Amino acid sequence: MQENVEVAFHSGSIFTGSGQPVTGVAVLVNDGRISAIVPEDQLRAHTGPNTRLIDLDGALLSPGFQDSHIHPAEGGTELLQCNLSEAENAQEAVEAIAAYAAANPEVPWIQGGGWSMDHYEGGAPLASLIDAVLPDRPVALSSRDHHSMWANSEAFRLAGIDANTPDPADGYFERLVDGSPAGTLHEGAMDLIAAHAPKSTDDFLLAGLLRAQDDLIAQGITGWQDAMVNGNPENPSTSLAYERALADGTLKVRVRGAQWWARDAGLEQIPALVATRARAEALGLPERFNLGTIKIMVDGIAENYTASMIEPYRDKCGHKTDNTGLSFISAENLASYVTALDAEGFQVHFHALGDAAVRDALDAVAAARAANGPSANRHHLAHLQVVSEADAARFADLDAVANLQPLWACHEDQLDTLTLPFMPESAQDRQYPFGDLVAGGARLAAGSDWPVSSADPIAGAHIAVNRIAPEEHSVPLGGEKQCLDLSTIWAAYTSGTAYVNHREDSTGSIAPGYFADLVVVSPNPFAVPSSEIHNSRVVSTWIDGECVYRASDVAAEQGA
């Protein structure tokens, strides 16, 4: 008898990290790691009076989810500021702004975000909407996707933006008939106002990070790749927030951070990135925090016509325009940068949304492979809204990982009204072509881009399988051939992202020796109709064999 077994999970289904769940076995945990998987009829031989027995009661035990593309500090600080993510229309958003301003009279700038483009004509809210309730305090609010900003007239005035202000090379702002700012700024134009708004302090970034961690753990997420880490120790930075949380023991999850690549600079920034990576390595806890990734924004987004496309966008009448979006970095420079970063041992995390951006990113990986030979850096491309058929087949040969944000892969207002009507005809049936990527042999990881959209992996899995939003009666986006089976997307959220994060030997699977980072989900999503996957909920989340979230505790607290 092994009386030192601390925790034993039994009487449920076990998703080990790939394939279909198994039954009839129990998972044993000791010293924060999985010690064994044994037949249930032998459980008593492995437990003692001090063993904590967890009766799954038919639920699913899974490796903890890992989000492959997320912005926790930004999302957490947004929750602590003017949060518009719950507003269901323009009027509710304006009311939320007014209420936040009234409740926080000492705040000089109203900041935050979360507004949805589909709530406004053309996806571009007007400054006058805010001016009507708050004319004398500057307001600057990021859109849900963080590629646009809504500002009031006072913010434009303080930033010195008027009809004579030219659009920057990497963005633009909406204008009224006389050329003056209408209220919305896109991509690089957002910096024109952000440069004048107060910056987050170190303390505020840490508070946002910890708030986000609580929310994400409650969704079963035990690790992630932060897709935008500012590592400059001279200014408030997310890197320092992570370091502080690590030092004081409040960082519970496992994080791989992607340092931000400044697109207005070049190869000269690499030494600073190397130094920041070394700073994180010197902390001596690589299984908890690592900065070995570089995030490069290749293009924008489709809703504001800045995603880089092979064929041009169409106008409101369906005619071709001369706009193919924005490539923030030329293909030649991108190849040079990726080759240099690959040689330094960095992983590159691409934002590549349009098919031209995807092609440029894959070409850059190919250039790095040609110059440096094969590497274990595991470069990955995130978002992948439009991927040409030819390029979908290149991922496997290049050992490039397809980093999916599944929640977006269905018909919804923003896609149907602000994107599809303006997409080139060749892209209409190639929205988020997950099935094609799998058919081409691509390795998958999965994430959310939260706070752009919900971080809930179960909701994302539901969309990946059905390509239809819950309770909707539309057709699968892109057809049934783009649907994934549940085991494939569940693996992408667990072992797939663990692979991207270079932690597949210790996380992302349920196997002896692995960290006991686990999630219990009920009802078992593998045992319900595919249309009901979204109804499954996280019952508990475990990190290092300790229960860090229990839904019943939350329910009891709310009922008290």
Protein backbone atom coordinates (compact mmCIF):
# COMPACT_ATOMS: atom_id res chain seq x y z
CA MET A 1 0.00 0.00 0.00
CA GLN A 2 1.24 3.47 -0.93
CA GLU A 3 -0.19 5.65 1.82
CA ASN A 4 1.68 8.72 0.56
CA VAL A 5 -0.68 9.23 -2.40
CA GLU A 6 -2.06 12.73 -1.88
CA VAL A 7 -4.88 12.97 -4.43
CA ALA A 8 -6.66 10.33 -6.50
CA PHE A 9 -9.16 11.14 -9.25
CA HIS A 10 -11.56 8.33 -10.12
CA SER A 11 -14.93 7.41 -11.62
CA GLY A 12 -14.74 9.62 -14.67
CA SER A 13 -13.27 9.92 -18.15
CA ILE A 14 -9.63 10.88 -18.61
CA PHE A 15 -8.43 12.94 -21.59
CA THR A 16 -4.72 12.20 -21.58
CA GLY A 17 -3.71 14.89 -24.10
CA SER A 18 -4.69 13.25 -27.39
CA GLY A 19 -7.22 10.84 -28.81
CA GLN A 20 -10.46 9.85 -27.12
CA PRO A 21 -10.82 9.91 -23.33
CA VAL A 22 -10.24 6.67 -21.46
CA THR A 23 -12.35 5.22 -18.66
CA GLY A 24 -11.84 2.67 -15.92
CA VAL A 25 -8.64 4.24 -14.63
CA ALA A 26 -7.69 6.52 -11.75
CA VAL A 27 -5.10 9.31 -11.77
CA LEU A 28 -2.82 9.56 -8.73
CA VAL A 29 -1.01 12.73 -7.66
CA ASN A 30 2.01 13.13 -5.39
CA ASP A 31 4.24 16.13 -4.69
CA GLY A 32 2.51 18.23 -7.32
CA ARG A 33 2.96 15.71 -10.11
CA ILE A 34 1.04 12.82 -11.58
CA SER A 35 2.56 9.73 -10.03
CA ALA A 36 0.59 7.00 -11.79
CA ILE A 37 -2.47 6.04 -13.81
CA VAL A 38 -3.89 2.80 -12.45
CA PRO A 39 -6.94 0.61 -13.07
CA GLU A 40 -9.79 1.72 -10.85
CA ASP A 41 -10.16 -1.75 -9.37
CA GLN A 42 -6.62 -1.36 -7.99
CA LEU A 43 -7.21 2.09 -6.49
CA ARG A 44 -7.42 0.91 -2.89
CA ALA A 45 -3.96 -0.59 -3.16
CA HIS A 46 -2.51 2.81 -3.95
CA THR A 47 -4.27 4.98 -1.37
CA GLY A 48 -4.21 5.47 2.35
CA PRO A 49 -6.16 7.29 5.06
CA ASN A 50 -4.66 10.65 4.08
CA THR A 51 -5.42 10.35 0.37
CA ARG A 52 -7.88 12.90 -0.93
CA LEU A 53 -10.29 10.97 -3.14
CA ILE A 54 -11.92 13.03 -5.89
CA ASP A 55 -15.02 11.31 -7.25
CA LEU A 56 -15.42 12.66 -10.79
CA ASP A 57 -18.96 11.28 -10.95
CA GLY A 58 -18.74 10.83 -14.70
CA ALA A 59 -17.05 14.18 -15.37
CA LEU A 60 -13.99 14.65 -17.59
CA LEU A 61 -10.53 15.01 -16.11
CA SER A 62 -8.29 16.84 -18.56
CA PRO A 63 -4.87 18.47 -18.57
CA GLY A 64 -5.30 22.13 -17.68
CA PHE A 65 -6.05 24.29 -20.68
CA GLN A 66 -3.23 26.43 -22.07
CA ASP A 67 -4.03 29.53 -24.10
CA SER A 68 -1.65 30.01 -27.02
CA HIS A 69 -2.42 33.70 -27.64
CA ILE A 70 -3.72 35.93 -24.86
CA HIS A 71 -3.19 39.36 -23.27
CA PRO A 72 -3.78 38.87 -19.52
CA ALA A 73 -2.36 42.10 -18.11
CA GLU A 74 -4.16 44.22 -20.71
CA GLY A 75 -7.39 42.29 -20.24
CA GLY A 76 -7.17 42.51 -16.47
CA THR A 77 -6.50 46.25 -16.44
CA GLU A 78 -9.40 46.74 -18.84
CA LEU A 79 -11.67 45.04 -16.32
CA LEU A 80 -10.42 47.53 -13.73
CA GLN A 81 -11.11 50.52 -16.01
CA CYS A 82 -14.07 51.50 -18.18
CA ASN A 83 -15.20 48.09 -19.37
CA LEU A 84 -17.59 48.07 -22.34
CA SER A 85 -17.47 44.34 -23.05
CA GLU A 86 -20.94 43.77 -21.57
CA ALA A 87 -22.63 46.53 -23.60
CA GLU A 88 -25.02 45.06 -26.17
CA ASN A 89 -25.47 48.22 -28.25
CA ALA A 90 -24.17 51.75 -28.72
CA GLN A 91 -26.53 53.27 -26.18
CA GLU A 92 -25.45 50.87 -23.45
CA ALA A 93 -21.81 51.64 -24.22
CA VAL A 94 -22.39 55.40 -23.83
CA GLU A 95 -24.28 54.82 -20.59
CA ALA A 96 -21.41 52.71 -19.27
CA ILE A 97 -18.92 55.47 -20.10
CA ALA A 98 -21.02 58.06 -18.29
CA ALA A 99 -21.48 55.80 -15.27
CA TYR A 100 -17.76 55.04 -15.03
CA ALA A 101 -16.87 58.73 -15.28
CA ALA A 102 -19.37 59.64 -12.57
CA ALA A 103 -18.05 56.91 -10.27
CA ASN A 104 -14.41 57.93 -10.86
CA PRO A 105 -14.31 61.75 -10.83
CA GLU A 106 -10.60 61.77 -9.95
CA VAL A 107 -9.52 59.90 -13.12
CA PRO A 108 -8.13 62.48 -15.60
CA TRP A 109 -8.54 60.27 -18.70
CA ILE A 110 -11.29 57.71 -19.16
CA GLN A 111 -9.54 54.62 -20.50
CA GLY A 112 -10.47 50.99 -21.01
CA GLY A 113 -12.23 49.31 -23.89
CA GLY A 114 -14.27 46.38 -25.11
CA TRP A 115 -16.69 48.04 -27.55
CA SER A 116 -17.90 46.00 -30.53
CA MET A 117 -17.56 47.37 -34.05
CA ASP A 118 -20.87 45.85 -35.17
CA HIS A 119 -22.74 48.19 -32.81
CA TYR A 120 -21.89 51.21 -34.98
CA GLU A 121 -22.48 52.12 -38.59
CA GLY A 122 -19.47 51.11 -40.62
CA GLY A 123 -17.86 49.78 -37.44
CA ALA A 124 -16.74 53.30 -36.49
CA PRO A 125 -18.34 55.08 -33.49
CA LEU A 126 -18.45 58.87 -33.47
CA ALA A 127 -16.84 61.21 -30.96
CA SER A 128 -20.14 63.05 -30.70
CA LEU A 129 -21.71 60.06 -28.93
CA ILE A 130 -19.31 60.49 -26.02
CA ASP A 131 -19.30 64.28 -26.25
CA ALA A 132 -23.03 64.27 -25.47
CA VAL A 133 -22.38 62.81 -22.00
CA LEU A 134 -18.74 63.72 -21.35
CA PRO A 135 -17.54 66.75 -23.30
CA ASP A 136 -14.78 68.01 -20.98
CA ARG A 137 -12.77 64.91 -19.97
CA PRO A 138 -10.69 63.00 -22.52
CA VAL A 139 -11.90 59.51 -23.36
CA ALA A 140 -9.87 56.87 -25.24
CA LEU A 141 -11.31 53.35 -25.43
CA SER A 142 -9.94 50.37 -27.34
CA SER A 143 -12.24 48.27 -29.47
CA ARG A 144 -12.87 44.66 -28.54
CA ASP A 145 -10.14 43.56 -30.98
CA HIS A 146 -7.70 46.31 -29.91
CA HIS A 147 -7.10 47.35 -33.50
CA SER A 148 -9.24 50.49 -33.23
CA MET A 149 -9.84 53.24 -30.69
CA TRP A 150 -12.90 55.36 -29.92
CA ALA A 151 -12.13 58.82 -28.61
CA ASN A 152 -14.08 61.97 -27.82
CA SER A 153 -13.38 65.46 -29.09
CA GLU A 154 -11.46 66.45 -25.96
CA ALA A 155 -9.00 63.59 -26.48
CA PHE A 156 -8.46 64.63 -30.10
CA ARG A 157 -7.94 68.22 -28.99
CA LEU A 158 -5.35 67.31 -26.35
CA ALA A 159 -3.54 65.13 -28.89
CA GLY A 160 -3.49 67.98 -31.42
CA ILE A 161 -5.34 65.97 -34.07
CA ASP A 162 -7.40 67.96 -36.55
CA ALA A 163 -8.32 68.05 -40.23
CA ASN A 164 -4.72 68.84 -41.16
CA THR A 165 -3.23 65.84 -39.36
CA PRO A 166 -2.05 63.23 -41.88
CA ASP A 167 -2.70 59.53 -41.44
CA PRO A 168 0.36 57.61 -40.24
CA ALA A 169 1.85 55.03 -42.59
CA ASP A 170 0.56 52.12 -40.49
CA GLY A 171 -3.01 53.26 -39.85
CA TYR A 172 -5.66 55.90 -40.33
CA PHE A 173 -8.45 57.74 -38.55
CA GLU A 174 -12.03 58.16 -39.66
CA ARG A 175 -12.85 61.68 -40.85
CA LEU A 176 -15.92 63.84 -41.18
CA VAL A 177 -16.77 65.54 -44.47
CA ASP A 178 -14.51 68.49 -43.60
CA GLY A 179 -11.58 66.16 -42.84
CA SER A 180 -11.71 66.56 -39.07
CA PRO A 181 -11.56 63.44 -36.87
CA ALA A 182 -14.86 61.59 -36.65
CA GLY A 183 -14.09 59.61 -33.53
CA THR A 184 -12.41 56.32 -34.48
CA LEU A 185 -8.73 55.60 -35.08
CA HIS A 186 -7.34 52.39 -36.57
CA GLU A 187 -4.05 50.53 -36.08
CA GLY A 188 -1.00 52.83 -35.83
CA ALA A 189 -3.20 55.92 -35.71
CA MET A 190 -4.19 54.93 -32.18
CA ASP A 191 -0.71 55.91 -31.05
CA LEU A 192 -1.49 59.55 -31.89
CA ILE A 193 -3.79 59.64 -28.87
CA ALA A 194 -2.18 56.95 -26.74
CA ALA A 195 1.00 59.04 -26.62
CA HIS A 196 -0.90 61.70 -24.65
CA ALA A 197 -2.90 59.44 -22.32
CA PRO A 198 -1.57 58.36 -18.91
CA LYS A 199 0.45 55.14 -18.93
CA SER A 200 -0.37 52.25 -16.62
CA THR A 201 1.80 52.08 -13.51
CA ASP A 202 3.69 48.97 -12.44
CA ASP A 203 1.25 48.50 -9.57
CA PHE A 204 -1.76 48.77 -11.85
CA LEU A 205 -0.32 46.28 -14.35
CA LEU A 206 0.32 43.82 -11.54
CA ALA A 207 -3.23 44.27 -10.24
CA GLY A 208 -4.57 43.67 -13.75
CA LEU A 209 -2.43 40.56 -14.20
CA LEU A 210 -3.63 39.03 -10.93
CA ARG A 211 -7.25 39.89 -11.66
CA ALA A 212 -6.91 38.19 -15.05
CA GLN A 213 -5.23 35.16 -13.50
CA ASP A 214 -8.20 34.62 -11.18
CA ASP A 215 -10.68 34.82 -14.05
CA LEU A 216 -8.64 32.54 -16.31
CA ILE A 217 -8.04 29.88 -13.68
CA ALA A 218 -11.81 29.77 -13.15
CA GLN A 219 -12.04 28.82 -16.85
CA GLY A 220 -9.62 25.93 -16.39
CA ILE A 221 -6.61 27.75 -17.83
CA THR A 222 -3.37 26.80 -16.09
CA GLY A 223 -0.86 28.24 -18.54
CA TRP A 224 -0.58 30.58 -21.49
CA GLN A 225 1.54 32.41 -24.00
CA ASP A 226 1.28 36.13 -23.40
CA ALA A 227 1.22 37.57 -26.91
CA MET A 228 2.53 41.05 -26.08
CA VAL A 229 5.09 41.47 -23.33
CA ASN A 230 6.79 44.82 -23.00
CA GLY A 231 10.07 44.05 -21.31
CA ASN A 232 11.57 47.53 -20.95
CA PRO A 233 12.69 47.80 -17.30
CA GLU A 234 12.84 51.59 -17.63
CA ASN A 235 9.04 51.88 -18.02
CA PRO A 236 6.00 50.13 -16.54
CA SER A 237 6.01 46.74 -18.20
CA THR A 238 4.19 43.46 -18.20
CA SER A 239 7.53 41.70 -17.86
CA LEU A 240 8.13 43.38 -14.51
CA ALA A 241 4.57 42.57 -13.44
CA TYR A 242 5.27 38.89 -14.05
CA GLU A 243 8.59 39.12 -12.22
CA ARG A 244 6.91 40.69 -9.19
CA ALA A 245 4.17 38.07 -9.15
CA LEU A 246 6.79 35.35 -9.44
CA ALA A 247 8.84 36.82 -6.61
CA ASP A 248 5.95 37.14 -4.18
CA GLY A 249 4.44 33.77 -5.04
CA THR A 250 1.22 35.08 -6.57
CA LEU A 251 1.95 33.82 -10.11
CA LYS A 252 0.25 30.43 -10.10
CA VAL A 253 0.10 29.64 -13.82
CA ARG A 254 2.88 28.78 -16.26
CA VAL A 255 3.71 31.57 -18.70
CA ARG A 256 5.73 31.89 -21.85
CA GLY A 257 5.91 35.53 -22.84
CA ALA A 258 6.25 36.90 -26.36
CA GLN A 259 8.34 40.06 -26.34
CA TRP A 260 7.02 42.77 -28.63
CA TRP A 261 8.84 43.46 -31.91
CA ALA A 262 8.78 47.19 -32.66
CA ARG A 263 7.87 47.43 -36.35
CA ASP A 264 9.39 50.90 -36.66
CA ALA A 265 12.78 49.47 -35.67
CA GLY A 266 14.91 46.68 -37.09
CA LEU A 267 17.63 44.22 -36.23
CA GLU A 268 19.19 46.68 -33.80
CA GLN A 269 16.53 45.79 -31.19
CA ILE A 270 17.65 42.15 -30.93
CA PRO A 271 20.36 42.68 -28.24
CA ALA A 272 17.76 44.22 -25.90
CA LEU A 273 15.42 41.29 -26.53
CA VAL A 274 18.22 38.85 -25.75
CA ALA A 275 18.98 40.74 -22.54
CA THR A 276 15.33 40.65 -21.45
CA ARG A 277 15.19 36.92 -22.13
CA ALA A 278 18.32 36.44 -20.03
CA ARG A 279 16.79 38.52 -17.23
CA ALA A 280 13.86 36.12 -17.09
CA GLU A 281 16.14 33.07 -17.26
CA ALA A 282 18.14 34.42 -14.32
CA LEU A 283 15.05 34.11 -12.14
CA GLY A 284 15.66 30.37 -12.26
CA LEU A 285 12.05 29.24 -12.71
CA PRO A 286 11.77 28.40 -16.41
CA GLU A 287 8.78 26.10 -15.84
CA ARG A 288 6.87 29.09 -14.47
CA PHE A 289 8.10 32.01 -16.59
CA ASN A 290 10.07 32.33 -19.82
CA LEU A 291 10.56 35.10 -22.39
CA GLY A 292 11.93 33.10 -25.30
CA THR A 293 9.38 34.26 -27.89
CA ILE A 294 9.13 37.35 -30.11
CA LYS A 295 5.74 38.62 -31.31
CA ILE A 296 5.65 40.18 -34.78
CA MET A 297 2.56 41.91 -36.14
CA VAL A 298 2.52 41.21 -39.86
CA ASP A 299 -0.82 42.86 -40.68
CA GLY A 300 -4.02 44.29 -39.22
CA ILE A 301 -7.59 42.99 -39.21
CA ALA A 302 -10.27 42.48 -41.84
CA GLU A 303 -12.97 44.62 -40.22
CA ASN A 304 -11.04 47.83 -40.83
CA TYR A 305 -9.53 46.55 -44.12
CA THR A 306 -5.98 46.38 -42.80
CA ALA A 307 -5.54 42.59 -42.93
CA SER A 308 -3.03 41.97 -45.72
CA MET A 309 -4.76 40.22 -48.63
CA ILE A 310 -3.55 38.69 -51.88
CA GLU A 311 -6.57 40.13 -53.71
CA PRO A 312 -8.02 43.59 -52.98
CA TYR A 313 -11.00 44.33 -50.79
CA ARG A 314 -14.36 45.22 -52.34
CA ASP A 315 -16.36 48.40 -51.80
CA LYS A 316 -19.97 48.65 -50.61
CA CYS A 317 -21.20 47.91 -54.12
CA GLY A 318 -19.09 44.77 -54.43
CA HIS A 319 -16.51 46.27 -56.79
CA LYS A 320 -12.79 45.69 -56.40
CA THR A 321 -10.82 48.50 -54.79
CA ASP A 322 -7.09 49.16 -54.88
CA ASN A 323 -6.75 48.32 -51.17
CA THR A 324 -5.09 45.03 -50.23
CA GLY A 325 -4.66 45.99 -46.58
CA LEU A 326 -1.50 46.78 -44.66
CA SER A 327 1.74 44.87 -44.41
CA PHE A 328 3.37 46.40 -41.37
CA ILE A 329 6.71 44.88 -42.35
CA SER A 330 7.87 44.23 -45.89
CA ALA A 331 8.29 40.59 -46.91
CA GLU A 332 12.03 41.14 -47.41
CA ASN A 333 12.53 42.68 -43.98
CA LEU A 334 10.32 40.08 -42.31
CA ALA A 335 12.46 37.27 -43.71
CA SER A 336 15.60 39.04 -42.50
CA TYR A 337 14.20 39.58 -39.00
CA VAL A 338 12.90 36.03 -38.59
CA THR A 339 16.17 34.55 -39.83
CA ALA A 340 18.12 36.59 -37.27
CA LEU A 341 15.73 35.78 -34.43
CA ASP A 342 15.75 32.10 -35.31
CA ALA A 343 19.56 32.12 -35.21
CA GLU A 344 19.36 33.59 -31.70
CA GLY A 345 17.13 30.71 -30.59
CA PHE A 346 13.94 32.75 -30.37
CA GLN A 347 10.53 31.43 -31.25
CA VAL A 348 8.57 33.82 -33.49
CA HIS A 349 4.86 34.32 -32.82
CA PHE A 350 3.27 35.93 -35.89
CA HIS A 351 0.03 37.88 -36.02
CA ALA A 352 -0.98 36.83 -39.54
CA LEU A 353 -4.63 37.28 -40.40
CA GLY A 354 -4.94 37.86 -44.14
CA ASP A 355 -3.74 35.38 -46.76
CA ALA A 356 -0.92 37.65 -47.92
CA ALA A 357 0.30 38.03 -44.34
CA VAL A 358 0.18 34.26 -43.85
CA ARG A 359 2.20 33.78 -47.02
CA ASP A 360 4.78 36.38 -45.96
CA ALA A 361 5.12 34.73 -42.53
CA LEU A 362 5.55 31.25 -44.01
CA ASP A 363 8.08 32.61 -46.50
CA ALA A 364 9.99 34.16 -43.59
CA VAL A 365 10.05 30.82 -41.76
CA ALA A 366 11.24 29.15 -44.96
CA ALA A 367 14.03 31.72 -45.28
CA ALA A 368 15.11 31.04 -41.70
CA ARG A 369 15.12 27.30 -42.33
CA ALA A 370 17.20 27.78 -45.48
CA ALA A 371 19.73 30.00 -43.72
CA ASN A 372 19.94 28.29 -40.34
CA GLY A 373 18.81 24.74 -40.97
CA PRO A 374 16.11 23.00 -38.94
CA SER A 375 15.48 24.34 -35.46
CA ALA A 376 13.39 23.48 -32.42
CA ASN A 377 12.11 27.06 -32.10
CA ARG A 378 8.52 26.16 -33.01
CA HIS A 379 7.46 29.31 -34.84
CA HIS A 380 3.70 29.74 -34.99
CA LEU A 381 1.15 31.82 -36.88
CA ALA A 382 -1.87 33.16 -35.00
CA HIS A 383 -5.37 34.07 -36.22
CA LEU A 384 -5.23 32.69 -39.76
CA GLN A 385 -8.56 34.14 -40.86
CA VAL A 386 -7.79 33.60 -44.54
CA VAL A 387 -5.23 31.05 -45.72
CA SER A 388 -4.80 30.09 -49.36
CA GLU A 389 -5.17 26.42 -50.17
CA ALA A 390 -1.55 26.22 -51.26
CA ASP A 391 -0.28 27.80 -48.05
CA ALA A 392 -2.43 25.60 -45.80
CA ALA A 393 -0.33 22.70 -47.02
CA ARG A 394 3.00 24.39 -46.19
CA PHE A 395 2.75 24.40 -42.38
CA ALA A 396 3.79 20.79 -41.90
CA ASP A 397 6.86 20.96 -44.15
CA LEU A 398 8.03 24.14 -42.42
CA ASP A 399 7.26 22.81 -38.93
CA ALA A 400 5.16 25.95 -38.38
CA VAL A 401 2.31 25.65 -35.89
CA ALA A 402 -1.21 26.87 -36.73
CA ASN A 403 -2.31 28.93 -33.72
CA LEU A 404 -6.13 28.98 -33.83
CA GLN A 405 -8.63 31.30 -32.17
CA PRO A 406 -11.66 29.01 -32.61
CA LEU A 407 -14.31 31.27 -31.12
CA TRP A 408 -14.21 33.48 -34.23
CA ALA A 409 -14.94 30.69 -36.71
CA CYS A 410 -18.70 31.10 -37.06
CA HIS A 411 -21.23 33.45 -38.58
CA GLU A 412 -21.84 36.44 -36.30
CA ASP A 413 -22.73 40.11 -36.83
CA GLN A 414 -19.20 41.51 -37.02
CA LEU A 415 -18.11 38.94 -39.58
CA ASP A 416 -21.31 38.98 -41.62
CA THR A 417 -21.80 42.75 -41.78
CA LEU A 418 -18.30 44.25 -41.54
CA THR A 419 -16.08 41.60 -43.09
CA LEU A 420 -17.56 39.14 -45.58
CA PRO A 421 -19.28 41.74 -47.81
CA PHE A 422 -15.93 43.47 -48.33
CA MET A 423 -13.70 40.43 -48.68
CA PRO A 424 -12.39 39.40 -52.11
CA GLU A 425 -14.47 36.64 -53.62
CA SER A 426 -11.62 34.14 -53.27
CA ALA A 427 -11.72 34.58 -49.49
CA GLN A 428 -15.45 34.09 -48.97
CA ASP A 429 -15.21 30.34 -48.37
CA ARG A 430 -11.79 30.37 -46.76
CA GLN A 431 -12.57 31.94 -43.40
CA TYR A 432 -10.61 30.22 -40.63
CA PRO A 433 -9.92 27.06 -42.68
CA PHE A 434 -9.16 24.74 -39.76
CA GLY A 435 -10.10 21.58 -41.64
CA ASP A 436 -7.76 22.42 -44.50
CA LEU A 437 -4.90 23.01 -42.07
CA VAL A 438 -5.46 19.63 -40.43
CA ALA A 439 -5.75 17.93 -43.83
CA GLY A 440 -2.37 19.46 -44.73
CA GLY A 441 -0.78 17.98 -41.61
CA ALA A 442 -0.41 21.21 -39.62
CA ARG A 443 0.24 20.93 -35.90
CA LEU A 444 -2.39 22.92 -33.95
CA ALA A 445 -2.39 25.12 -30.87
CA ALA A 446 -5.42 27.04 -29.61
CA GLY A 447 -6.04 30.29 -27.80
CA SER A 448 -8.45 33.16 -27.43
CA ASP A 449 -6.77 36.55 -27.92
CA TRP A 450 -8.63 37.60 -24.76
CA PRO A 451 -9.78 40.32 -24.10
CA VAL A 452 -10.63 40.47 -27.81
CA SER A 453 -13.08 37.64 -27.16
CA SER A 454 -13.92 35.25 -24.34
CA ALA A 455 -11.04 33.15 -23.06
CA ASP A 456 -13.36 30.19 -22.38
CA PRO A 457 -11.76 27.11 -24.05
CA ILE A 458 -15.01 25.16 -23.84
CA ALA A 459 -16.81 27.85 -25.84
CA GLY A 460 -13.95 27.82 -28.34
CA ALA A 461 -14.10 24.05 -28.63
CA HIS A 462 -17.84 24.22 -29.30
CA ILE A 463 -17.30 26.57 -32.24
CA ALA A 464 -14.37 24.57 -33.63
CA VAL A 465 -16.53 21.44 -33.72
CA ASN A 466 -19.78 23.00 -34.95
CA ARG A 467 -18.72 26.22 -36.77
CA ILE A 468 -22.10 27.53 -35.56
CA ALA A 469 -22.65 29.67 -32.44
CA PRO A 470 -24.72 28.08 -29.65
CA GLU A 471 -28.47 28.33 -30.13
CA GLU A 472 -28.01 29.69 -33.66
CA HIS A 473 -29.48 28.02 -36.74
CA SER A 474 -27.07 29.19 -39.42
CA VAL A 475 -24.81 27.02 -41.56
CA PRO A 476 -21.26 26.05 -40.58
CA LEU A 477 -18.84 28.79 -41.59
CA GLY A 478 -16.83 27.50 -44.54
CA GLY A 479 -18.81 24.26 -44.68
CA GLU A 480 -18.58 21.08 -42.67
CA LYS A 481 -15.12 20.28 -44.09
CA GLN A 482 -13.70 22.99 -41.82
CA CYS A 483 -15.19 21.46 -38.65
CA LEU A 484 -12.80 19.75 -36.25
CA ASP A 485 -13.56 16.75 -34.09
CA LEU A 486 -13.61 17.40 -30.36
CA SER A 487 -10.47 15.41 -29.56
CA THR A 488 -8.47 17.45 -32.10
CA ILE A 489 -9.43 20.86 -30.70
CA TRP A 490 -9.18 19.64 -27.09
CA ALA A 491 -5.64 18.51 -27.81
CA ALA A 492 -4.88 21.91 -29.37
CA TYR A 493 -5.92 23.59 -26.10
CA THR A 494 -3.78 21.23 -24.02
CA SER A 495 -0.88 19.27 -25.49
CA GLY A 496 -0.80 21.46 -28.61
CA THR A 497 -0.16 24.69 -26.76
CA ALA A 498 2.16 22.90 -24.35
CA TYR A 499 4.25 21.99 -27.41
CA VAL A 500 4.31 25.60 -28.61
CA ASN A 501 5.35 26.70 -25.13
CA HIS A 502 8.19 24.12 -25.05
CA ARG A 503 6.55 22.42 -22.07
CA GLU A 504 5.15 19.28 -23.67
CA ASP A 505 7.44 17.09 -21.54
CA SER A 506 5.89 18.32 -18.29
CA THR A 507 2.45 19.81 -19.07
CA GLY A 508 -0.45 19.42 -21.49
CA SER A 509 -0.87 15.68 -20.93
CA ILE A 510 -1.90 13.35 -18.14
CA ALA A 511 1.04 11.00 -17.73
CA PRO A 512 3.36 9.94 -14.90
CA GLY A 513 5.90 12.63 -14.05
CA TYR A 514 3.87 15.50 -15.51
CA PHE A 515 2.81 18.45 -13.38
CA ALA A 516 -0.66 17.90 -11.90
CA ASP A 517 -2.13 20.90 -13.73
CA LEU A 518 -5.65 19.61 -14.29
CA VAL A 519 -9.22 20.64 -14.94
CA VAL A 520 -12.46 18.82 -14.17
CA VAL A 521 -15.27 19.50 -16.67
CA SER A 522 -18.92 18.47 -16.30
CA PRO A 523 -20.90 17.25 -18.06
CA ASN A 524 -18.23 15.36 -19.96
CA PRO A 525 -18.23 17.20 -23.33
CA PHE A 526 -17.24 14.00 -25.12
CA ALA A 527 -20.44 12.34 -23.88
CA VAL A 528 -22.98 14.95 -25.02
CA PRO A 529 -24.25 15.89 -28.51
CA SER A 530 -21.89 18.28 -30.28
CA SER A 531 -24.56 20.99 -30.14
CA GLU A 532 -24.39 20.83 -26.33
CA ILE A 533 -20.63 21.13 -25.80
CA HIS A 534 -20.98 24.76 -24.71
CA ASN A 535 -23.08 23.70 -21.71
CA SER A 536 -20.15 21.93 -20.06
CA ARG A 537 -18.57 23.85 -17.19
CA VAL A 538 -15.33 23.85 -15.24
CA VAL A 539 -15.95 22.17 -11.88
CA SER A 540 -12.44 22.62 -10.51
CA THR A 541 -8.95 23.67 -11.57
CA TRP A 542 -5.74 22.21 -10.13
CA ILE A 543 -2.16 23.48 -10.37
CA ASP A 544 0.76 21.50 -8.93
CA GLY A 545 -1.79 19.13 -7.42
CA GLU A 546 -3.51 21.89 -5.46
CA CYS A 547 -7.11 22.91 -6.06
CA VAL A 548 -6.95 26.59 -7.05
CA TYR A 549 -10.59 26.95 -8.14
CA ARG A 550 -13.79 25.15 -7.25
CA ALA A 551 -17.09 26.17 -8.80
CA SER A 552 -19.06 25.04 -5.76
CA ASP A 553 -17.10 27.47 -3.56
CA VAL A 554 -18.00 30.34 -5.88
CA ALA A 555 -21.66 29.29 -5.95
CA ALA A 556 -21.74 29.09 -2.15
CA GLU A 557 -20.15 32.53 -1.84
CA GLN A 558 -22.62 34.06 -4.28
CA GLY A 559 -25.51 32.47 -2.45
CA ALA A 560 -24.35 33.69 0.94
